[in-house]
Amino acid sequence: MGNQQERLFDLGWLVGSFESEGGFCLAKSCCNKRGWRYTPLCTISNTDNNFIFACIEILKSLDIPHYVCFKRSTGKHRPCRDIIIRGYQRCDKFLKFIIPLLKTKKDQANLMREFIDYRLSKNYRYPYGEYEDNAHKRMKELNKIPRDYTPDFINK
C-alpha cells in the first residue's frame, strides 16, 4: 500500500472508532462576568490501551492536537483513557477530516461545525446568547437519540 492509501485506511479506521467509541459535546462552563460559555469537545474513550495508542498515532499523523486523560477504575469498572480534542480550532480541524466519512454521528458533527463557524465569525469577546444556548440544547438532544440497529432498520 502506498502512503496515501495507508493514510486513508487509517482515517477510515479512526472514523469507525469514533463512531463507536467517540462523541461530540458543547461543554457548558461559567465564565465569570460574561455568564456561560460553550467549548466544543470531541472525545474517544476506551479501556484498551492498544486501541487508544492506535488512535493517538493516527491523530498525530493528521497533526490534530489532543490530550489523553486517564480514569482510574471504580468498583467494577476497568481503568479507562479518554482522548480529548478541545477547542474551536482543534475540533474544526478534526471535523474537516471526519465529516465526509461519518455515518451515524453526522448530525452532531454538522451542528458542531455550524456552531464553530458561527463563533469564529465573531470577536472572541462577543457574548454567548440564544444561538449558542439552542445549539447546546440541540446537541444534547442529538446525543440522546437512541440508535436502532435492528435488522429491520438496517434493511431499509
C-alpha atoms as a PDB file:
ATOM      1  CA  MET A   1       0.000   0.000   0.000  1.00  0.00           C
ATOM      2  CA  GLY A   2       1.197   3.488  -0.772  1.00  0.00           C
ATOM      3  CA  ASN A   3       1.466   6.230   1.809  1.00  0.00           C
ATOM      4  CA  GLN A   4      -1.782   7.910   0.676  1.00  0.00           C
ATOM      5  CA  GLN A   5      -3.680   4.604   0.816  1.00  0.00           C
ATOM      6  CA  GLU A   6      -2.346   3.906   4.306  1.00  0.00           C
ATOM      7  CA  ARG A   7      -3.405   7.369   5.436  1.00  0.00           C
ATOM      8  CA  LEU A   8      -6.921   6.882   4.006  1.00  0.00           C
ATOM      9  CA  PHE A   9      -7.161   3.468   5.665  1.00  0.00           C
ATOM     10  CA  ASP A  10      -6.033   4.933   8.999  1.00  0.00           C
ATOM     11  CA  LEU A  11      -8.511   7.812   8.680  1.00  0.00           C
ATOM     12  CA  GLY A  12     -11.323   5.354   7.935  1.00  0.00           C
ATOM     13  CA  TRP A  13     -10.313   3.248  10.928  1.00  0.00           C
ATOM     14  CA  LEU A  14     -10.274   6.354  13.150  1.00  0.00           C
ATOM     15  CA  VAL A  15     -13.719   7.437  11.914  1.00  0.00           C
ATOM     16  CA  GLY A  16     -15.138   3.964  12.578  1.00  0.00           C
ATOM     17  CA  SER A  17     -13.585   4.024  16.025  1.00  0.00           C
ATOM     18  CA  PHE A  18     -15.047   7.461  16.676  1.00  0.00           C
ATOM     19  CA  GLU A  19     -18.498   6.314  15.505  1.00  0.00           C
ATOM     20  CA  SER A  20     -18.470   3.516  18.083  1.00  0.00           C
ATOM     21  CA  GLU A  21     -16.382   4.908  20.954  1.00  0.00           C
ATOM     22  CA  GLY A  22     -16.474   8.680  20.462  1.00  0.00           C
ATOM     23  CA  GLY A  23     -18.751  11.624  20.938  1.00  0.00           C
ATOM     24  CA  PHE A  24     -19.368  15.317  20.417  1.00  0.00           C
ATOM     25  CA  CYS A  25     -20.179  17.790  23.150  1.00  0.00           C
ATOM     26  CA  LEU A  26     -20.605  21.516  23.597  1.00  0.00           C
ATOM     27  CA  ALA A  27     -19.340  21.769  27.171  1.00  0.00           C
ATOM     28  CA  LYS A  28     -21.059  24.477  29.201  1.00  0.00           C
ATOM     29  CA  SER A  29     -18.996  26.320  31.793  1.00  0.00           C
ATOM     30  CA  CYS A  30     -19.238  29.513  33.810  1.00  0.00           C
ATOM     31  CA  CYS A  31     -17.209  32.459  32.598  1.00  0.00           C
ATOM     32  CA  ASN A  32     -17.004  34.981  35.463  1.00  0.00           C
ATOM     33  CA  LYS A  33     -18.665  38.253  34.398  1.00  0.00           C
ATOM     34  CA  ARG A  34     -19.871  37.175  30.960  1.00  0.00           C
ATOM     35  CA  GLY A  35     -22.111  34.306  32.108  1.00  0.00           C
ATOM     36  CA  TRP A  36     -21.966  30.939  30.333  1.00  0.00           C
ATOM     37  CA  ARG A  37     -19.662  29.842  27.584  1.00  0.00           C
ATOM     38  CA  TYR A  38     -19.546  26.716  25.443  1.00  0.00           C
ATOM     39  CA  THR A  39     -16.444  24.816  24.408  1.00  0.00           C
ATOM     40  CA  PRO A  40     -16.501  22.210  21.625  1.00  0.00           C
ATOM     41  CA  LEU A  41     -15.195  18.768  22.632  1.00  0.00           C
ATOM     42  CA  CYS A  42     -14.598  15.631  20.589  1.00  0.00           C
ATOM     43  CA  THR A  43     -13.739  12.589  22.702  1.00  0.00           C
ATOM     44  CA  ILE A  44     -12.863   8.936  22.239  1.00  0.00           C
ATOM     45  CA  SER A  45     -12.961   6.653  25.293  1.00  0.00           C
ATOM     46  CA  ASN A  46     -11.811   3.076  25.704  1.00  0.00           C
ATOM     47  CA  THR A  47     -10.284   0.671  28.217  1.00  0.00           C
ATOM     48  CA  ASP A  48      -7.942  -0.967  25.674  1.00  0.00           C
ATOM     49  CA  ASN A  49      -4.549   0.759  25.682  1.00  0.00           C
ATOM     50  CA  ASN A  50      -3.623  -0.575  22.227  1.00  0.00           C
ATOM     51  CA  PHE A  51      -6.826   0.916  20.805  1.00  0.00           C
ATOM     52  CA  ILE A  52      -6.095   4.290  22.430  1.00  0.00           C
ATOM     53  CA  PHE A  53      -2.469   4.281  21.258  1.00  0.00           C
ATOM     54  CA  ALA A  54      -3.568   3.478  17.680  1.00  0.00           C
ATOM     55  CA  CYS A  55      -5.973   6.438  17.761  1.00  0.00           C
ATOM     56  CA  ILE A  56      -3.244   8.694  19.146  1.00  0.00           C
ATOM     57  CA  GLU A  57      -0.823   7.700  16.373  1.00  0.00           C
ATOM     58  CA  ILE A  58      -3.403   8.492  13.690  1.00  0.00           C
ATOM     59  CA  LEU A  59      -4.259  11.851  15.288  1.00  0.00           C
ATOM     60  CA  LYS A  60      -0.536  12.680  15.418  1.00  0.00           C
ATOM     61  CA  SER A  61      -0.119  11.750  11.743  1.00  0.00           C
ATOM     62  CA  LEU A  62      -3.021  14.100  10.895  1.00  0.00           C
ATOM     63  CA  ASP A  63      -1.438  16.815  13.093  1.00  0.00           C
ATOM     64  CA  ILE A  64      -4.567  17.133  15.258  1.00  0.00           C
ATOM     65  CA  PRO A  65      -3.778  18.463  18.745  1.00  0.00           C
ATOM     66  CA  HIS A  66      -5.277  16.395  21.568  1.00  0.00           C
ATOM     67  CA  TYR A  67      -4.583  15.208  25.068  1.00  0.00           C
ATOM     68  CA  VAL A  68      -5.195  11.966  26.922  1.00  0.00           C
ATOM     69  CA  CYS A  69      -6.896  11.691  30.285  1.00  0.00           C
ATOM     70  CA  PHE A  70      -6.644   8.583  32.470  1.00  0.00           C
ATOM     71  CA  LYS A  71      -9.587   7.484  34.622  1.00  0.00           C
ATOM     72  CA  ARG A  72      -8.831   5.066  37.437  1.00  0.00           C
ATOM     73  CA  SER A  73     -11.005   2.032  37.949  1.00  0.00           C
ATOM     74  CA  THR A  74     -14.004   2.492  40.194  1.00  0.00           C
ATOM     75  CA  GLY A  75     -15.512  -0.629  41.644  1.00  0.00           C
ATOM     76  CA  LYS A  76     -16.442  -2.936  38.809  1.00  0.00           C
ATOM     77  CA  HIS A  77     -15.359  -0.582  36.002  1.00  0.00           C
ATOM     78  CA  ARG A  78     -11.956  -1.020  34.387  1.00  0.00           C
ATOM     79  CA  PRO A  79      -9.474   1.874  34.071  1.00  0.00           C
ATOM     80  CA  CYS A  80     -10.188   3.993  31.006  1.00  0.00           C
ATOM     81  CA  ARG A  81      -8.432   6.532  28.824  1.00  0.00           C
ATOM     82  CA  ASP A  82     -10.108   9.472  27.100  1.00  0.00           C
ATOM     83  CA  ILE A  83      -8.635  11.168  24.050  1.00  0.00           C
ATOM     84  CA  ILE A  84      -9.896  14.745  24.121  1.00  0.00           C
ATOM     85  CA  ILE A  85      -9.844  17.266  21.291  1.00  0.00           C
ATOM     86  CA  ARG A  86     -10.890  20.540  22.880  1.00  0.00           C
ATOM     87  CA  GLY A  87     -11.454  23.993  21.476  1.00  0.00           C
ATOM     88  CA  TYR A  88     -12.758  25.704  18.372  1.00  0.00           C
ATOM     89  CA  GLN A  89      -9.786  25.410  16.044  1.00  0.00           C
ATOM     90  CA  ARG A  90      -8.728  21.924  17.144  1.00  0.00           C
ATOM     91  CA  CYS A  91     -12.246  20.489  16.775  1.00  0.00           C
ATOM     92  CA  ASP A  92     -12.704  22.301  13.470  1.00  0.00           C
ATOM     93  CA  LYS A  93      -9.535  20.698  12.112  1.00  0.00           C
ATOM     94  CA  PHE A  94     -10.685  17.253  13.274  1.00  0.00           C
ATOM     95  CA  LEU A  95     -14.177  17.746  11.802  1.00  0.00           C
ATOM     96  CA  LYS A  96     -12.764  18.632   8.373  1.00  0.00           C
ATOM     97  CA  PHE A  97     -11.180  15.187   8.234  1.00  0.00           C
ATOM     98  CA  ILE A  98     -14.043  13.100   9.582  1.00  0.00           C
ATOM     99  CA  ILE A  99     -17.340  14.690   8.448  1.00  0.00           C
ATOM    100  CA  PRO A 100     -17.214  13.294   4.890  1.00  0.00           C
ATOM    101  CA  LEU A 101     -16.812   9.749   6.282  1.00  0.00           C
ATOM    102  CA  LEU A 102     -19.252   9.825   9.221  1.00  0.00           C
ATOM    103  CA  LYS A 103     -22.480   7.830   9.043  1.00  0.00           C
ATOM    104  CA  THR A 104     -24.259   7.767  12.420  1.00  0.00           C
ATOM    105  CA  LYS A 105     -22.920  10.928  14.066  1.00  0.00           C
ATOM    106  CA  LYS A 106     -23.034  13.239  11.057  1.00  0.00           C
ATOM    107  CA  ASP A 107     -25.837  15.409  12.533  1.00  0.00           C
ATOM    108  CA  GLN A 108     -23.817  16.108  15.687  1.00  0.00           C
ATOM    109  CA  ALA A 109     -20.689  16.828  13.620  1.00  0.00           C
ATOM    110  CA  ASN A 110     -22.536  19.240  11.322  1.00  0.00           C
ATOM    111  CA  LEU A 111     -24.118  21.017  14.280  1.00  0.00           C
ATOM    112  CA  MET A 112     -20.707  21.404  15.915  1.00  0.00           C
ATOM    113  CA  ARG A 113     -19.217  22.661  12.651  1.00  0.00           C
ATOM    114  CA  GLU A 114     -22.004  25.279  12.288  1.00  0.00           C
ATOM    115  CA  PHE A 115     -21.511  26.328  15.904  1.00  0.00           C
ATOM    116  CA  ILE A 116     -17.755  26.678  15.427  1.00  0.00           C
ATOM    117  CA  ASP A 117     -18.160  28.648  12.190  1.00  0.00           C
ATOM    118  CA  TYR A 118     -20.632  30.973  13.888  1.00  0.00           C
ATOM    119  CA  ARG A 119     -18.403  31.608  16.909  1.00  0.00           C
ATOM    120  CA  LEU A 120     -15.230  32.037  14.847  1.00  0.00           C
ATOM    121  CA  SER A 121     -17.017  34.681  12.769  1.00  0.00           C
ATOM    122  CA  LYS A 122     -17.452  36.760  15.974  1.00  0.00           C
ATOM    123  CA  ASN A 123     -14.971  38.574  18.150  1.00  0.00           C
ATOM    124  CA  TYR A 124     -13.884  36.277  20.981  1.00  0.00           C
ATOM    125  CA  ARG A 125     -15.428  38.733  23.459  1.00  0.00           C
ATOM    126  CA  TYR A 126     -18.802  38.601  21.739  1.00  0.00           C
ATOM    127  CA  PRO A 127     -21.275  37.394  24.388  1.00  0.00           C
ATOM    128  CA  TYR A 128     -22.888  33.989  24.155  1.00  0.00           C
ATOM    129  CA  GLY A 129     -26.620  34.160  23.580  1.00  0.00           C
ATOM    130  CA  GLU A 130     -29.697  32.377  22.305  1.00  0.00           C
ATOM    131  CA  TYR A 131     -27.965  30.823  19.293  1.00  0.00           C
ATOM    132  CA  GLU A 132     -25.362  29.131  21.483  1.00  0.00           C
ATOM    133  CA  ASP A 133     -27.961  28.027  24.060  1.00  0.00           C
ATOM    134  CA  ASN A 134     -30.067  26.453  21.301  1.00  0.00           C
ATOM    135  CA  ALA A 135     -27.052  24.705  19.766  1.00  0.00           C
ATOM    136  CA  HIS A 136     -26.140  23.290  23.186  1.00  0.00           C
ATOM    137  CA  LYS A 137     -29.693  22.007  23.731  1.00  0.00           C
ATOM    138  CA  ARG A 138     -29.836  20.532  20.222  1.00  0.00           C
ATOM    139  CA  MET A 139     -26.506  18.722  20.732  1.00  0.00           C
ATOM    140  CA  LYS A 140     -27.810  17.212  23.968  1.00  0.00           C
ATOM    141  CA  GLU A 141     -30.951  16.059  22.148  1.00  0.00           C
ATOM    142  CA  LEU A 142     -28.971  14.526  19.286  1.00  0.00           C
ATOM    143  CA  ASN A 143     -26.712  12.685  21.719  1.00  0.00           C
ATOM    144  CA  LYS A 144     -29.763  11.188  23.488  1.00  0.00           C
ATOM    145  CA  ILE A 145     -31.463   9.835  20.349  1.00  0.00           C
ATOM    146  CA  PRO A 146     -31.366   6.047  20.546  1.00  0.00           C
ATOM    147  CA  ARG A 147     -29.894   4.395  17.520  1.00  0.00           C
ATOM    148  CA  ASP A 148     -31.903   1.445  16.272  1.00  0.00           C
ATOM    149  CA  TYR A 149     -29.621  -1.216  14.806  1.00  0.00           C
ATOM    150  CA  THR A 150     -32.210  -3.946  14.426  1.00  0.00           C
ATOM    151  CA  PRO A 151     -32.241  -5.888  11.154  1.00  0.00           C
ATOM    152  CA  ASP A 152     -35.477  -4.128  10.080  1.00  0.00           C
ATOM    153  CA  PHE A 153     -33.732  -0.759  10.322  1.00  0.00           C
ATOM    154  CA  ILE A 154     -30.574  -1.943   8.553  1.00  0.00           C
ATOM    155  CA  ASN A 155     -32.500  -3.458   5.624  1.00  0.00           C
ATOM    156  CA  LYS A 156     -34.421  -0.241   4.833  1.00  0.00           C
END
